[in-house]
C-alpha atoms as a PDB file:
ATOM      1  CA  MET A   1      42.355  32.736 -66.484  1.00  0.00           C
ATOM      2  CA  ASN A   2      41.700  29.043 -65.883  1.00  0.00           C
ATOM      3  CA  LEU A   3      44.642  26.647 -65.707  1.00  0.00           C
ATOM      4  CA  PRO A   4      44.227  22.845 -65.888  1.00  0.00           C
ATOM      5  CA  PHE A   5      45.700  20.705 -63.099  1.00  0.00           C
ATOM      6  CA  LEU A   6      45.919  17.052 -62.134  1.00  0.00           C
ATOM      7  CA  LYS A   7      45.991  15.770 -58.567  1.00  0.00           C
ATOM      8  CA  TYR A   8      48.392  12.914 -57.742  1.00  0.00           C
ATOM      9  CA  GLN A   9      49.289  11.166 -54.503  1.00  0.00           C
ATOM     10  CA  GLY A  10      52.222   8.990 -53.447  1.00  0.00           C
ATOM     11  CA  THR A  11      51.489   6.973 -50.275  1.00  0.00           C
ATOM     12  CA  GLY A  12      49.210   9.765 -49.104  1.00  0.00           C
ATOM     13  CA  ASN A  13      51.519  12.675 -49.945  1.00  0.00           C
ATOM     14  CA  ASP A  14      49.264  14.646 -52.312  1.00  0.00           C
ATOM     15  CA  PHE A  15      50.187  17.214 -54.928  1.00  0.00           C
ATOM     16  CA  VAL A  16      48.631  19.603 -57.409  1.00  0.00           C
ATOM     17  CA  MET A  17      50.441  18.973 -60.703  1.00  0.00           C
ATOM     18  CA  ILE A  18      50.609  21.727 -63.320  1.00  0.00           C
ATOM     19  CA  ASP A  19      52.007  21.657 -66.856  1.00  0.00           C
ATOM     20  CA  ASN A  20      53.893  24.961 -66.828  1.00  0.00           C
ATOM     21  CA  ARG A  21      55.680  24.674 -70.154  1.00  0.00           C
ATOM     22  CA  THR A  22      53.993  27.962 -71.132  1.00  0.00           C
ATOM     23  CA  LYS A  23      55.449  29.543 -67.934  1.00  0.00           C
ATOM     24  CA  ILE A  24      52.195  31.245 -66.976  1.00  0.00           C
ATOM     25  CA  PHE A  25      51.922  30.018 -63.369  1.00  0.00           C
ATOM     26  CA  PRO A  26      52.614  32.866 -60.869  1.00  0.00           C
ATOM     27  CA  LYS A  27      55.619  31.315 -59.075  1.00  0.00           C
ATOM     28  CA  LYS A  28      56.259  34.326 -56.841  1.00  0.00           C
ATOM     29  CA  ASN A  29      52.678  34.478 -55.557  1.00  0.00           C
ATOM     30  CA  THR A  30      53.096  32.523 -52.309  1.00  0.00           C
ATOM     31  CA  GLU A  31      49.623  33.582 -51.177  1.00  0.00           C
ATOM     32  CA  LYS A  32      48.092  31.919 -54.250  1.00  0.00           C
ATOM     33  CA  ILE A  33      50.181  28.781 -53.739  1.00  0.00           C
ATOM     34  CA  SER A  34      49.036  28.537 -50.113  1.00  0.00           C
ATOM     35  CA  GLN A  35      45.412  29.121 -51.124  1.00  0.00           C
ATOM     36  CA  ILE A  36      45.531  26.311 -53.706  1.00  0.00           C
ATOM     37  CA  CYS A  37      47.006  23.918 -51.131  1.00  0.00           C
ATOM     38  CA  ASN A  38      44.493  24.885 -48.425  1.00  0.00           C
ATOM     39  CA  ARG A  39      42.227  21.909 -47.710  1.00  0.00           C
ATOM     40  CA  HIS A  40      39.253  24.102 -46.757  1.00  0.00           C
ATOM     41  CA  PHE A  41      39.435  27.006 -49.205  1.00  0.00           C
ATOM     42  CA  GLY A  42      41.419  25.516 -52.108  1.00  0.00           C
ATOM     43  CA  ILE A  43      42.075  22.195 -53.803  1.00  0.00           C
ATOM     44  CA  GLY A  44      44.036  20.801 -50.870  1.00  0.00           C
ATOM     45  CA  ALA A  45      47.567  19.399 -51.128  1.00  0.00           C
ATOM     46  CA  ASP A  46      50.919  19.032 -49.394  1.00  0.00           C
ATOM     47  CA  GLY A  47      52.476  20.963 -52.267  1.00  0.00           C
ATOM     48  CA  ILE A  48      52.361  22.175 -55.870  1.00  0.00           C
ATOM     49  CA  ILE A  49      54.563  20.734 -58.621  1.00  0.00           C
ATOM     50  CA  LEU A  50      55.288  22.535 -61.880  1.00  0.00           C
ATOM     51  CA  ILE A  51      56.639  20.671 -64.890  1.00  0.00           C
ATOM     52  CA  GLU A  52      58.682  22.752 -67.323  1.00  0.00           C
ATOM     53  CA  GLU A  53      60.921  22.091 -70.307  1.00  0.00           C
ATOM     54  CA  ASP A  54      64.702  21.938 -69.893  1.00  0.00           C
ATOM     55  CA  LYS A  55      67.458  22.094 -72.512  1.00  0.00           C
ATOM     56  CA  GLU A  56      69.610  19.350 -70.951  1.00  0.00           C
ATOM     57  CA  TYR A  57      67.083  17.039 -69.281  1.00  0.00           C
ATOM     58  CA  ASP A  58      63.728  15.468 -70.116  1.00  0.00           C
ATOM     59  CA  PHE A  59      61.960  17.999 -67.905  1.00  0.00           C
ATOM     60  CA  LYS A  60      62.381  20.356 -64.965  1.00  0.00           C
ATOM     61  CA  MET A  61      60.501  19.817 -61.705  1.00  0.00           C
ATOM     62  CA  ILE A  62      59.735  22.815 -59.489  1.00  0.00           C
ATOM     63  CA  TYR A  63      58.240  22.059 -56.083  1.00  0.00           C
ATOM     64  CA  PHE A  64      56.512  24.410 -53.664  1.00  0.00           C
ATOM     65  CA  ASN A  65      55.540  23.484 -50.112  1.00  0.00           C
ATOM     66  CA  ALA A  66      52.046  24.420 -48.987  1.00  0.00           C
ATOM     67  CA  ASP A  67      53.454  27.654 -47.519  1.00  0.00           C
ATOM     68  CA  GLY A  68      55.037  28.651 -50.847  1.00  0.00           C
ATOM     69  CA  SER A  69      58.627  27.765 -49.936  1.00  0.00           C
ATOM     70  CA  LYS A  70      60.779  25.854 -52.436  1.00  0.00           C
ATOM     71  CA  THR A  71      62.474  22.537 -51.679  1.00  0.00           C
ATOM     72  CA  PHE A  72      62.885  19.014 -53.049  1.00  0.00           C
ATOM     73  CA  CYS A  73      60.240  16.356 -52.420  1.00  0.00           C
ATOM     74  CA  GLY A  74      60.866  12.648 -53.015  1.00  0.00           C
ATOM     75  CA  ASN A  75      57.259  11.497 -53.243  1.00  0.00           C
ATOM     76  CA  GLY A  76      56.481  14.627 -55.235  1.00  0.00           C
ATOM     77  CA  ALA A  77      59.271  13.773 -57.660  1.00  0.00           C
ATOM     78  CA  ARG A  78      57.864  10.277 -58.131  1.00  0.00           C
ATOM     79  CA  CYS A  79      54.456  11.829 -58.898  1.00  0.00           C
ATOM     80  CA  ALA A  80      56.162  14.303 -61.244  1.00  0.00           C
ATOM     81  CA  VAL A  81      57.595  11.369 -63.214  1.00  0.00           C
ATOM     82  CA  ALA A  82      54.115   9.824 -63.539  1.00  0.00           C
ATOM     83  CA  PHE A  83      52.720  13.217 -64.612  1.00  0.00           C
ATOM     84  CA  ALA A  84      55.506  13.733 -67.190  1.00  0.00           C
ATOM     85  CA  LYS A  85      54.623  10.356 -68.688  1.00  0.00           C
ATOM     86  CA  HIS A  86      50.955  11.409 -68.801  1.00  0.00           C
ATOM     87  CA  LEU A  87      52.091  14.522 -70.713  1.00  0.00           C
ATOM     88  CA  LYS A  88      54.012  12.235 -73.113  1.00  0.00           C
ATOM     89  CA  MET A  89      57.281  14.000 -72.262  1.00  0.00           C
ATOM     90  CA  ILE A  90      58.865  10.658 -71.279  1.00  0.00           C
ATOM     91  CA  THR A  91      58.235   6.910 -71.578  1.00  0.00           C
ATOM     92  CA  ASP A  92      59.328   4.487 -68.844  1.00  0.00           C
ATOM     93  CA  LYS A  93      62.749   5.948 -68.012  1.00  0.00           C
ATOM     94  CA  THR A  94      63.807   9.527 -67.480  1.00  0.00           C
ATOM     95  CA  THR A  95      66.477  11.883 -66.228  1.00  0.00           C
ATOM     96  CA  PHE A  96      65.108  15.197 -64.992  1.00  0.00           C
ATOM     97  CA  ILE A  97      66.381  18.200 -63.058  1.00  0.00           C
ATOM     98  CA  ALA A  98      65.151  19.446 -59.678  1.00  0.00           C
ATOM     99  CA  VAL A  99      66.324  21.979 -57.110  1.00  0.00           C
ATOM    100  CA  ASP A 100      68.871  19.533 -55.652  1.00  0.00           C
ATOM    101  CA  GLY A 101      70.264  18.381 -59.004  1.00  0.00           C
ATOM    102  CA  PRO A 102      69.553  15.703 -61.637  1.00  0.00           C
ATOM    103  CA  HIS A 103      67.557  12.537 -60.877  1.00  0.00           C
ATOM    104  CA  PHE A 104      67.068   9.286 -62.765  1.00  0.00           C
ATOM    105  CA  ALA A 105      63.747   7.463 -62.466  1.00  0.00           C
ATOM    106  CA  GLU A 106      62.098   4.352 -63.849  1.00  0.00           C
ATOM    107  CA  ILE A 107      58.411   3.448 -64.153  1.00  0.00           C
ATOM    108  CA  ASN A 108      57.095  -0.089 -63.634  1.00  0.00           C
ATOM    109  CA  ASN A 109      53.276   0.028 -63.797  1.00  0.00           C
ATOM    110  CA  ASP A 110      52.333   2.334 -60.890  1.00  0.00           C
ATOM    111  CA  ILE A 111      55.652   1.875 -59.042  1.00  0.00           C
ATOM    112  CA  ILE A 112      58.146   4.694 -59.544  1.00  0.00           C
ATOM    113  CA  SER A 113      61.798   4.090 -58.609  1.00  0.00           C
ATOM    114  CA  LEU A 114      63.565   7.392 -58.064  1.00  0.00           C
ATOM    115  CA  GLN A 115      67.316   7.794 -57.686  1.00  0.00           C
ATOM    116  CA  MET A 116      68.157  10.211 -54.884  1.00  0.00           C
ATOM    117  CA  ILE A 117      71.291  12.320 -54.450  1.00  0.00           C
ATOM    118  CA  ASP A 118      74.378  10.740 -52.851  1.00  0.00           C
ATOM    119  CA  VAL A 119      74.736  11.263 -49.107  1.00  0.00           C
ATOM    120  CA  ASP A 120      78.164  11.685 -47.499  1.00  0.00           C
ATOM    121  CA  GLU A 121      77.543  14.111 -44.634  1.00  0.00           C
ATOM    122  CA  ILE A 122      75.723  12.487 -41.714  1.00  0.00           C
ATOM    123  CA  GLU A 123      75.634  14.087 -38.281  1.00  0.00           C
ATOM    124  CA  VAL A 124      75.142  11.474 -35.552  1.00  0.00           C
ATOM    125  CA  LYS A 125      73.917  13.120 -32.349  1.00  0.00           C
ATOM    126  CA  GLU A 126      73.292  11.649 -28.913  1.00  0.00           C
ATOM    127  CA  ASN A 127      69.619  10.847 -29.567  1.00  0.00           C
ATOM    128  CA  ALA A 128      69.184  11.609 -33.254  1.00  0.00           C
ATOM    129  CA  VAL A 129      70.747  11.699 -36.720  1.00  0.00           C
ATOM    130  CA  PHE A 130      70.709  14.728 -39.057  1.00  0.00           C
ATOM    131  CA  ILE A 131      70.916  14.121 -42.818  1.00  0.00           C
ATOM    132  CA  TYR A 132      70.402  16.125 -46.014  1.00  0.00           C
ATOM    133  CA  THR A 133      68.609  14.028 -48.652  1.00  0.00           C
ATOM    134  CA  GLY A 134      67.524  16.868 -50.933  1.00  0.00           C
ATOM    135  CA  THR A 135      66.148  18.667 -47.890  1.00  0.00           C
ATOM    136  CA  GLN A 136      66.953  18.662 -44.163  1.00  0.00           C
ATOM    137  CA  HIS A 137      65.931  15.714 -41.957  1.00  0.00           C
ATOM    138  CA  HIS A 138      66.114  14.958 -38.237  1.00  0.00           C
ATOM    139  CA  VAL A 139      65.736  11.217 -37.510  1.00  0.00           C
ATOM    140  CA  GLU A 140      64.890   9.993 -34.009  1.00  0.00           C
ATOM    141  CA  LEU A 141      64.052   6.533 -32.655  1.00  0.00           C
ATOM    142  CA  VAL A 142      61.010   6.335 -30.352  1.00  0.00           C
ATOM    143  CA  ASP A 143      58.881   3.696 -28.623  1.00  0.00           C
ATOM    144  CA  SER A 144      55.148   3.202 -29.265  1.00  0.00           C
ATOM    145  CA  ILE A 145      55.036   5.302 -32.422  1.00  0.00           C
ATOM    146  CA  ASP A 146      51.254   4.883 -32.748  1.00  0.00           C
ATOM    147  CA  ASN A 147      50.738   6.984 -29.617  1.00  0.00           C
ATOM    148  CA  TYR A 148      53.672   9.337 -30.075  1.00  0.00           C
ATOM    149  CA  PRO A 149      52.916  13.130 -30.117  1.00  0.00           C
ATOM    150  CA  VAL A 150      54.333  13.688 -33.603  1.00  0.00           C
ATOM    151  CA  PHE A 151      52.848  17.143 -34.137  1.00  0.00           C
ATOM    152  CA  GLU A 152      53.796  18.615 -30.781  1.00  0.00           C
ATOM    153  CA  ASN A 153      57.348  17.233 -30.590  1.00  0.00           C
ATOM    154  CA  GLY A 154      57.952  17.538 -34.322  1.00  0.00           C
ATOM    155  CA  LYS A 155      57.127  21.238 -34.273  1.00  0.00           C
ATOM    156  CA  LYS A 156      59.530  21.880 -31.385  1.00  0.00           C
ATOM    157  CA  ILE A 157      62.400  20.021 -33.045  1.00  0.00           C
ATOM    158  CA  ARG A 158      61.685  21.538 -36.477  1.00  0.00           C
ATOM    159  CA  TYR A 159      62.299  25.056 -35.106  1.00  0.00           C
ATOM    160  CA  SER A 160      65.330  24.037 -33.027  1.00  0.00           C
ATOM    161  CA  TYR A 161      67.363  24.009 -36.256  1.00  0.00           C
ATOM    162  CA  ALA A 162      68.606  27.180 -37.921  1.00  0.00           C
ATOM    163  CA  ASN A 163      66.662  28.548 -40.881  1.00  0.00           C
ATOM    164  CA  PRO A 164      65.162  26.855 -42.922  1.00  0.00           C
ATOM    165  CA  GLY A 165      64.708  24.357 -40.070  1.00  0.00           C
ATOM    166  CA  SER A 166      64.340  20.611 -40.487  1.00  0.00           C
ATOM    167  CA  ASN A 167      61.774  17.960 -41.236  1.00  0.00           C
ATOM    168  CA  VAL A 168      61.409  15.589 -38.287  1.00  0.00           C
ATOM    169  CA  ASN A 169      61.080  11.813 -38.577  1.00  0.00           C
ATOM    170  CA  PHE A 170      60.107   9.595 -35.658  1.00  0.00           C
ATOM    171  CA  VAL A 171      61.031   5.951 -36.142  1.00  0.00           C
ATOM    172  CA  GLN A 172      60.183   2.612 -34.546  1.00  0.00           C
ATOM    173  CA  GLN A 173      62.113  -0.509 -35.530  1.00  0.00           C
ATOM    174  CA  ILE A 174      59.791  -3.373 -36.459  1.00  0.00           C
ATOM    175  CA  SER A 175      62.324  -5.943 -37.658  1.00  0.00           C
ATOM    176  CA  GLU A 176      65.932  -6.132 -38.851  1.00  0.00           C
ATOM    177  CA  ASN A 177      65.148  -4.254 -42.064  1.00  0.00           C
ATOM    178  CA  THR A 178      61.693  -2.733 -41.380  1.00  0.00           C
ATOM    179  CA  PHE A 179      61.183   0.675 -39.762  1.00  0.00           C
ATOM    180  CA  ARG A 180      57.872   2.419 -39.188  1.00  0.00           C
ATOM    181  CA  VAL A 181      58.061   6.175 -39.828  1.00  0.00           C
ATOM    182  CA  ARG A 182      55.927   9.210 -38.999  1.00  0.00           C
ATOM    183  CA  THR A 183      57.045  12.635 -40.239  1.00  0.00           C
ATOM    184  CA  TYR A 184      56.437  16.277 -39.346  1.00  0.00           C
ATOM    185  CA  GLU A 185      57.154  18.329 -42.482  1.00  0.00           C
ATOM    186  CA  LYS A 186      58.384  21.899 -42.523  1.00  0.00           C
ATOM    187  CA  GLY A 187      56.564  23.996 -45.087  1.00  0.00           C
ATOM    188  CA  VAL A 188      53.433  21.947 -44.481  1.00  0.00           C
ATOM    189  CA  GLU A 189      53.839  22.531 -40.712  1.00  0.00           C
ATOM    190  CA  ASN A 190      52.035  19.349 -39.846  1.00  0.00           C
ATOM    191  CA  GLU A 191      52.365  15.585 -39.911  1.00  0.00           C
ATOM    192  CA  THR A 192      51.995  14.206 -43.431  1.00  0.00           C
ATOM    193  CA  LEU A 193      50.958  10.696 -44.437  1.00  0.00           C
ATOM    194  CA  ALA A 194      54.377  10.052 -45.973  1.00  0.00           C
ATOM    195  CA  CYS A 195      57.669  11.752 -46.797  1.00  0.00           C
ATOM    196  CA  GLY A 196      59.994  10.353 -49.475  1.00  0.00           C
ATOM    197  CA  THR A 197      63.121  12.292 -48.545  1.00  0.00           C
ATOM    198  CA  GLY A 198      62.258  11.441 -44.913  1.00  0.00           C
ATOM    199  CA  VAL A 199      62.159   7.668 -45.323  1.00  0.00           C
ATOM    200  CA  THR A 200      65.361   7.927 -47.373  1.00  0.00           C
ATOM    201  CA  ALA A 201      66.989   9.716 -44.443  1.00  0.00           C
ATOM    202  CA  VAL A 202      65.627   7.098 -42.035  1.00  0.00           C
ATOM    203  CA  ALA A 203      66.984   4.178 -44.084  1.00  0.00           C
ATOM    204  CA  ILE A 204      70.462   5.700 -44.254  1.00  0.00           C
ATOM    205  CA  ALA A 205      70.435   6.779 -40.604  1.00  0.00           C
ATOM    206  CA  MET A 206      69.437   3.309 -39.376  1.00  0.00           C
ATOM    207  CA  HIS A 207      72.237   1.748 -41.416  1.00  0.00           C
ATOM    208  CA  LYS A 208      74.724   4.376 -40.245  1.00  0.00           C
ATOM    209  CA  ILE A 209      74.026   3.752 -36.531  1.00  0.00           C
ATOM    210  CA  LYS A 210      74.021  -0.024 -37.156  1.00  0.00           C
ATOM    211  CA  LYS A 211      70.379  -0.712 -36.379  1.00  0.00           C
ATOM    212  CA  THR A 212      70.397  -2.714 -39.612  1.00  0.00           C
ATOM    213  CA  ASN A 213      72.961  -4.269 -41.938  1.00  0.00           C
ATOM    214  CA  SER A 214      70.538  -4.492 -44.843  1.00  0.00           C
ATOM    215  CA  ASN A 215      70.808  -2.257 -47.904  1.00  0.00           C
ATOM    216  CA  LEU A 216      67.113  -2.737 -48.747  1.00  0.00           C
ATOM    217  CA  ILE A 217      64.890  -1.114 -46.145  1.00  0.00           C
ATOM    218  CA  SER A 218      61.115  -1.483 -45.855  1.00  0.00           C
ATOM    219  CA  LEU A 219      59.360   1.603 -44.499  1.00  0.00           C
ATOM    220  CA  PRO A 220      55.670   1.516 -43.544  1.00  0.00           C
ATOM    221  CA  VAL A 221      54.253   5.055 -43.343  1.00  0.00           C
ATOM    222  CA  GLU A 222      50.816   6.392 -42.451  1.00  0.00           C
ATOM    223  CA  GLY A 223      49.761   6.431 -46.111  1.00  0.00           C
ATOM    224  CA  GLY A 224      51.186   3.127 -47.308  1.00  0.00           C
ATOM    225  CA  HIS A 225      54.544   1.477 -47.872  1.00  0.00           C
ATOM    226  CA  LEU A 226      57.851   2.700 -49.304  1.00  0.00           C
ATOM    227  CA  LYS A 227      61.202   1.013 -49.902  1.00  0.00           C
ATOM    228  CA  VAL A 228      64.715   2.435 -50.013  1.00  0.00           C
ATOM    229  CA  SER A 229      67.779   0.660 -51.410  1.00  0.00           C
ATOM    230  CA  PHE A 230      71.371   1.877 -51.475  1.00  0.00           C
ATOM    231  CA  SER A 231      75.036   0.956 -51.554  1.00  0.00           C
ATOM    232  CA  GLU A 232      77.604   2.233 -49.060  1.00  0.00           C
ATOM    233  CA  GLU A 233      81.333   2.731 -49.553  1.00  0.00           C
ATOM    234  CA  ASN A 234      83.667   4.400 -47.050  1.00  0.00           C
ATOM    235  CA  GLY A 235      80.801   6.182 -45.348  1.00  0.00           C
ATOM    236  CA  THR A 236      79.250   7.529 -48.564  1.00  0.00           C
ATOM    237  CA  TYR A 237      75.801   6.315 -49.582  1.00  0.00           C
ATOM    238  CA  LYS A 238      75.272   5.975 -53.339  1.00  0.00           C
ATOM    239  CA  ASN A 239      72.804   4.406 -55.775  1.00  0.00           C
ATOM    240  CA  ILE A 240      70.000   5.415 -53.407  1.00  0.00           C
ATOM    241  CA  PHE A 241      66.561   4.550 -54.787  1.00  0.00           C
ATOM    242  CA  LEU A 242      63.192   5.491 -53.313  1.00  0.00           C
ATOM    243  CA  LYS A 243      60.468   3.106 -54.514  1.00  0.00           C
ATOM    244  CA  GLY A 244      56.704   3.302 -54.184  1.00  0.00           C
ATOM    245  CA  PRO A 245      53.406   4.010 -55.942  1.00  0.00           C
ATOM    246  CA  ALA A 246      52.345   7.266 -57.589  1.00  0.00           C
ATOM    247  CA  THR A 247      48.630   7.486 -58.339  1.00  0.00           C
ATOM    248  CA  PHE A 248      46.397   9.852 -60.317  1.00  0.00           C
ATOM    249  CA  VAL A 249      43.453  11.106 -58.212  1.00  0.00           C
ATOM    250  CA  PHE A 250      41.448  13.654 -60.231  1.00  0.00           C
ATOM    251  CA  LYS A 251      41.722  16.609 -62.624  1.00  0.00           C
ATOM    252  CA  GLY A 252      40.194  20.067 -62.806  1.00  0.00           C
ATOM    253  CA  GLU A 253      40.871  23.754 -63.405  1.00  0.00           C
ATOM    254  CA  ILE A 254      42.019  26.549 -61.156  1.00  0.00           C
ATOM    255  CA  SER A 255      41.665  30.280 -61.640  1.00  0.00           C
ATOM    256  CA  ILE A 256      44.950  32.207 -61.647  1.00  0.00           C
END
């Protein structure tokens, strides 16, 4: 059976988007999910996103990493919003449900502003910060990020955390409110060109350890540019918005 798909990317994070309102996609077939995401033998993507109907919200987003594991993905969610608009399920504003709870989002041309979950538990370590922003994130400041061994060190740190492990973000401060970020993603098991939940974790971590006093953080990543804004009250971060482009790439069909 052939199933239509669309490919989207958000600052280089790329996703296979599937309208699964008929519920025919084989969600438990992790081998098929991995094959679709394989860049040599499949379509190639960081993950697969299914859009389904929901009784309480505009739509339901289901995200699979390239290895078939489930999580939340910030850039994927922004692409999901663009895809839901393409499907005429929404217009320019939406509230949808994902694995970490409900999210509000707004569309302004190709820029998607996505509200993230509140963050109130932040673990400040000696050389790093650990934060949950819909998934687990280790944030670590480094020098000379262009030459930093992201894959090698990221893989070691990723597996130093208990199951399911942690994404790993290496950060270099560029200015008072600008931080360059490179991320090793669990589930992909490699460096990706961007990570939405990762830059959100970086923005909050840098504010928490007083590397910045700004509540609007600019975050250059390998695949482009993202912004994160937030408010902070008594150590809790609220009204967190991840902002950046979400772009259609191509469409096709896959055999399932």
